[in-house]
C-alpha cells in the first residue's frame, strides 16, 4: 500500500482527534452520536462523532 501525502495527513488528523475527543466529551454533558460516512477523498469509511445536548 502506498501512502500519499493526503492519506498521511488524514491519518495523522484522525489519530489526533481520537486522543482529543475523550477529553472534550468528559467536559461536556450530553449524548454522543457516532456516524459512519464514506469519504471519497480517503477512499474509506470515516467516523464522525457529535455531542448533542
PDB file of N, CA and C in Angstrom:
ATOM      1  N   UNK A   1       0.846  -1.180   0.000  1.00  0.00           N
ATOM      2  CA  UNK A   1       0.000   0.000   0.000  1.00  0.00           C
ATOM      3  C   UNK A   1       0.887   1.237   0.000  1.00  0.00           C
ATOM      4  N   UNK A   2       0.648   2.123  -0.933  1.00  0.00           N
ATOM      5  CA  UNK A   2       1.400   3.377  -0.969  1.00  0.00           C
ATOM      6  C   UNK A   2       0.626   4.432  -0.200  1.00  0.00           C
ATOM      7  N   UNK A   3       1.347   5.235   0.529  1.00  0.00           N
ATOM      8  CA  UNK A   3       0.730   6.260   1.359  1.00  0.00           C
ATOM      9  C   UNK A   3       1.016   7.620   0.754  1.00  0.00           C
ATOM     10  N   UNK A   4      -0.041   8.293   0.324  1.00  0.00           N
ATOM     11  CA  UNK A   4       0.127   9.613  -0.267  1.00  0.00           C
ATOM     12  C   UNK A   4       0.192  10.664   0.836  1.00  0.00           C
ATOM     13  N   UNK A   5       0.527  11.855   0.456  1.00  0.00           N
ATOM     14  CA  UNK A   5       0.603  12.948   1.428  1.00  0.00           C
ATOM     15  C   UNK A   5      -0.775  13.205   2.046  1.00  0.00           C
ATOM     16  N   UNK A   6      -1.809  13.169   1.212  1.00  0.00           N
ATOM     17  CA  UNK A   6      -3.170  13.399   1.704  1.00  0.00           C
ATOM     18  C   UNK A   6      -3.581  12.304   2.692  1.00  0.00           C
ATOM     19  N   UNK A   7      -3.241  11.070   2.378  1.00  0.00           N
ATOM     20  CA  UNK A   7      -3.563   9.965   3.272  1.00  0.00           C
ATOM     21  C   UNK A   7      -2.824  10.058   4.592  1.00  0.00           C
ATOM     22  N   UNK A   8      -1.556  10.467   4.534  1.00  0.00           N
ATOM     23  CA  UNK A   8      -0.781  10.620   5.762  1.00  0.00           C
ATOM     24  C   UNK A   8      -1.370  11.715   6.641  1.00  0.00           C
ATOM     25  N   UNK A   9      -1.712  12.856   6.039  1.00  0.00           N
ATOM     26  CA  UNK A   9      -2.288  13.962   6.810  1.00  0.00           C
ATOM     27  C   UNK A   9      -3.644  13.565   7.400  1.00  0.00           C
ATOM     28  N   UNK A  10      -4.448  12.850   6.629  1.00  0.00           N
ATOM     29  CA  UNK A  10      -5.755  12.412   7.134  1.00  0.00           C
ATOM     30  C   UNK A  10      -5.591  11.430   8.282  1.00  0.00           C
ATOM     31  N   UNK A  11      -4.648  10.517   8.167  1.00  0.00           N
ATOM     32  CA  UNK A  11      -4.409   9.557   9.241  1.00  0.00           C
ATOM     33  C   UNK A  11      -3.892  10.219  10.502  1.00  0.00           C
ATOM     34  N   UNK A  12      -3.017  11.192  10.334  1.00  0.00           N
ATOM     35  CA  UNK A  12      -2.496  11.935  11.478  1.00  0.00           C
ATOM     36  C   UNK A  12      -3.600  12.723  12.163  1.00  0.00           C
ATOM     37  N   UNK A  13      -4.443  13.372  11.372  1.00  0.00           N
ATOM     38  CA  UNK A  13      -5.552  14.143  11.943  1.00  0.00           C
ATOM     39  C   UNK A  13      -6.524  13.230  12.675  1.00  0.00           C
ATOM     40  N   UNK A  14      -6.781  12.055  12.124  1.00  0.00           N
ATOM     41  CA  UNK A  14      -7.683  11.106  12.783  1.00  0.00           C
ATOM     42  C   UNK A  14      -7.105  10.626  14.106  1.00  0.00           C
ATOM     43  N   UNK A  15      -5.802  10.358  14.120  1.00  0.00           N
ATOM     44  CA  UNK A  15      -5.169   9.899  15.357  1.00  0.00           C
ATOM     45  C   UNK A  15      -5.200  10.987  16.431  1.00  0.00           C
ATOM     46  N   UNK A  16      -4.985  12.221  16.035  1.00  0.00           N
ATOM     47  CA  UNK A  16      -5.029  13.326  16.996  1.00  0.00           C
ATOM     48  C   UNK A  16      -6.437  13.549  17.521  1.00  0.00           C
ATOM     49  N   UNK A  17      -7.435  13.414  16.651  1.00  0.00           N
ATOM     50  CA  UNK A  17      -8.810  13.626  17.097  1.00  0.00           C
ATOM     51  C   UNK A  17      -9.257  12.518  18.041  1.00  0.00           C
ATOM     52  N   UNK A  18      -8.766  11.298  17.834  1.00  0.00           N
ATOM     53  CA  UNK A  18      -9.110  10.189  18.731  1.00  0.00           C
ATOM     54  C   UNK A  18      -8.585  10.463  20.138  1.00  0.00           C
ATOM     55  N   UNK A  19      -7.429  11.098  20.212  1.00  0.00           N
ATOM     56  CA  UNK A  19      -6.867  11.422  21.531  1.00  0.00           C
ATOM     57  C   UNK A  19      -7.585  12.596  22.176  1.00  0.00           C
ATOM     58  N   UNK A  20      -8.092  13.540  21.383  1.00  0.00           N
ATOM     59  CA  UNK A  20      -8.708  14.747  21.924  1.00  0.00           C
ATOM     60  C   UNK A  20     -10.177  14.548  22.279  1.00  0.00           C
ATOM     61  N   UNK A  21     -10.878  13.672  21.576  1.00  0.00           N
ATOM     62  CA  UNK A  21     -12.327  13.513  21.776  1.00  0.00           C
ATOM     63  C   UNK A  21     -12.688  13.083  23.198  1.00  0.00           C
ATOM     64  N   UNK A  22     -12.005  12.110  23.806  1.00  0.00           N
ATOM     65  CA  UNK A  22     -12.401  11.736  25.177  1.00  0.00           C
ATOM     66  C   UNK A  22     -12.275  12.893  26.172  1.00  0.00           C
ATOM     67  N   UNK A  23     -11.277  13.737  26.003  1.00  0.00           N
ATOM     68  CA  UNK A  23     -11.106  14.874  26.904  1.00  0.00           C
ATOM     69  C   UNK A  23     -12.222  15.884  26.707  1.00  0.00           C
ATOM     70  N   UNK A  24     -12.608  16.139  25.482  1.00  0.00           N
ATOM     71  CA  UNK A  24     -13.682  17.085  25.195  1.00  0.00           C
ATOM     72  C   UNK A  24     -15.015  16.526  25.679  1.00  0.00           C
ATOM     73  N   UNK A  25     -15.244  15.244  25.440  1.00  0.00           N
ATOM     74  CA  UNK A  25     -16.515  14.625  25.819  1.00  0.00           C
ATOM     75  C   UNK A  25     -16.667  14.562  27.338  1.00  0.00           C
ATOM     76  N   UNK A  26     -15.580  14.425  28.055  1.00  0.00           N
ATOM     77  CA  UNK A  26     -15.653  14.354  29.509  1.00  0.00           C
ATOM     78  C   UNK A  26     -16.057  15.704  30.109  1.00  0.00           C
ATOM     79  N   UNK A  27     -15.711  16.793  29.440  1.00  0.00           N
ATOM     80  CA  UNK A  27     -16.023  18.128  29.939  1.00  0.00           C
ATOM     81  C   UNK A  27     -17.465  18.532  29.659  1.00  0.00           C
ATOM     82  N   UNK A  28     -18.049  18.017  28.600  1.00  0.00           N
ATOM     83  CA  UNK A  28     -19.403  18.410  28.222  1.00  0.00           C
ATOM     84  C   UNK A  28     -20.382  17.304  28.579  1.00  0.00           C
ATOM     85  N   UNK A  29     -21.605  17.715  28.862  1.00  0.00           N
ATOM     86  CA  UNK A  29     -22.630  16.716  29.122  1.00  0.00           C
ATOM     87  C   UNK A  29     -23.536  16.634  27.900  1.00  0.00           C
ATOM     88  N   UNK A  30     -24.093  15.494  27.671  1.00  0.00           N
ATOM     89  CA  UNK A  30     -24.972  15.302  26.527  1.00  0.00           C
ATOM     90  C   UNK A  30     -24.769  13.947  25.912  1.00  0.00           C
ATOM     91  N   UNK A  31     -25.529  13.704  24.860  1.00  0.00           N
ATOM     92  CA  UNK A  31     -25.460  12.426  24.164  1.00  0.00           C
ATOM     93  C   UNK A  31     -24.430  12.480  23.062  1.00  0.00           C
ATOM     94  N   UNK A  32     -23.664  11.421  22.928  1.00  0.00           N
ATOM     95  CA  UNK A  32     -22.678  11.333  21.853  1.00  0.00           C
ATOM     96  C   UNK A  32     -23.247  10.469  20.745  1.00  0.00           C
ATOM     97  N   UNK A  33     -23.228  10.986  19.524  1.00  0.00           N
ATOM     98  CA  UNK A  33     -23.752  10.262  18.369  1.00  0.00           C
ATOM     99  C   UNK A  33     -22.595   9.978  17.416  1.00  0.00           C
ATOM    100  N   UNK A  34     -22.390   8.711  17.099  1.00  0.00           N
ATOM    101  CA  UNK A  34     -21.329   8.288  16.199  1.00  0.00           C
ATOM    102  C   UNK A  34     -21.944   7.930  14.856  1.00  0.00           C
ATOM    103  N   UNK A  35     -21.450   8.557  13.787  1.00  0.00           N
ATOM    104  CA  UNK A  35     -21.952   8.317  12.437  1.00  0.00           C
ATOM    105  C   UNK A  35     -20.799   7.876  11.554  1.00  0.00           C
ATOM    106  N   UNK A  36     -21.016   6.836  10.757  1.00  0.00           N
ATOM    107  CA  UNK A  36     -20.014   6.399   9.797  1.00  0.00           C
ATOM    108  C   UNK A  36     -20.386   6.925   8.419  1.00  0.00           C
ATOM    109  N   UNK A  37     -19.434   7.564   7.753  1.00  0.00           N
ATOM    110  CA  UNK A  37     -19.662   8.101   6.409  1.00  0.00           C
ATOM    111  C   UNK A  37     -18.536   7.627   5.499  1.00  0.00           C
ATOM    112  N   UNK A  38     -18.825   7.551   4.209  1.00  0.00           N
ATOM    113  CA  UNK A  38     -17.813   7.181   3.229  1.00  0.00           C
ATOM    114  C   UNK A  38     -17.145   8.448   2.727  1.00  0.00           C
ATOM    115  N   UNK A  39     -15.842   8.557   2.913  1.00  0.00           N
ATOM    116  CA  UNK A  39     -15.072   9.714   2.474  1.00  0.00           C
ATOM    117  C   UNK A  39     -14.414   9.373   1.140  1.00  0.00           C
ATOM    118  N   UNK A  40     -14.849  10.036   0.072  1.00  0.00           N
ATOM    119  CA  UNK A  40     -14.333   9.731  -1.264  1.00  0.00           C
ATOM    120  C   UNK A  40     -12.856  10.090  -1.390  1.00  0.00           C
ATOM    121  N   UNK A  41     -12.420  11.170  -0.739  1.00  0.00           N
ATOM    122  CA  UNK A  41     -11.023  11.579  -0.857  1.00  0.00           C
ATOM    123  C   UNK A  41     -10.090  10.566  -0.199  1.00  0.00           C
ATOM    124  N   UNK A  42     -10.537   9.928   0.885  1.00  0.00           N
ATOM    125  CA  UNK A  42      -9.725   8.903   1.544  1.00  0.00           C
ATOM    126  C   UNK A  42      -9.947   7.531   0.935  1.00  0.00           C
ATOM    127  N   UNK A  43     -11.128   7.330   0.343  1.00  0.00           N
ATOM    128  CA  UNK A  43     -11.447   6.035  -0.233  1.00  0.00           C
ATOM    129  C   UNK A  43     -11.803   5.001   0.819  1.00  0.00           C
ATOM    130  N   UNK A  44     -12.321   5.462   1.970  1.00  0.00           N
ATOM    131  CA  UNK A  44     -12.691   4.526   3.029  1.00  0.00           C
ATOM    132  C   UNK A  44     -13.718   5.170   3.952  1.00  0.00           C
ATOM    133  N   UNK A  45     -14.225   4.375   4.875  1.00  0.00           N
ATOM    134  CA  UNK A  45     -15.200   4.878   5.844  1.00  0.00           C
ATOM    135  C   UNK A  45     -14.497   5.717   6.896  1.00  0.00           C
ATOM    136  N   UNK A  46     -15.233   6.710   7.407  1.00  0.00           N
ATOM    137  CA  UNK A  46     -14.701   7.600   8.426  1.00  0.00           C
ATOM    138  C   UNK A  46     -15.765   7.793   9.489  1.00  0.00           C
ATOM    139  N   UNK A  47     -15.344   7.853  10.752  1.00  0.00           N
ATOM    140  CA  UNK A  47     -16.277   8.026  11.862  1.00  0.00           C
ATOM    141  C   UNK A  47     -16.351   9.511  12.225  1.00  0.00           C
ATOM    142  N   UNK A  48     -17.585   9.997  12.405  1.00  0.00           N
ATOM    143  CA  UNK A  48     -17.814  11.378  12.852  1.00  0.00           C
ATOM    144  C   UNK A  48     -18.608  11.302  14.139  1.00  0.00           C
ATOM    145  N   UNK A  49     -18.090  11.947  15.167  1.00  0.00           N
ATOM    146  CA  UNK A  49     -18.749  11.915  16.469  1.00  0.00           C
ATOM    147  C   UNK A  49     -19.268  13.311  16.806  1.00  0.00           C
ATOM    148  N   UNK A  50     -20.546  13.390  17.207  1.00  0.00           N
ATOM    149  CA  UNK A  50     -21.159  14.664  17.587  1.00  0.00           C
ATOM    150  C   UNK A  50     -21.662  14.543  19.016  1.00  0.00           C
ATOM    151  N   UNK A  51     -21.619  15.669  19.728  1.00  0.00           N
ATOM    152  CA  UNK A  51     -22.166  15.726  21.075  1.00  0.00           C
ATOM    153  C   UNK A  51     -23.434  16.583  21.012  1.00  0.00           C
ATOM    154  N   UNK A  52     -24.570  15.973  21.366  1.00  0.00           N
ATOM    155  CA  UNK A  52     -25.856  16.665  21.315  1.00  0.00           C
ATOM    156  C   UNK A  52     -26.311  16.916  22.745  1.00  0.00           C
ATOM    157  N   UNK A  53     -26.636  18.165  23.074  1.00  0.00           N
ATOM    158  CA  UNK A  53     -27.066  18.458  24.457  1.00  0.00           C
ATOM    159  C   UNK A  53     -28.393  17.834  24.820  1.00  0.00           C
TER     160      UNK A  53
END
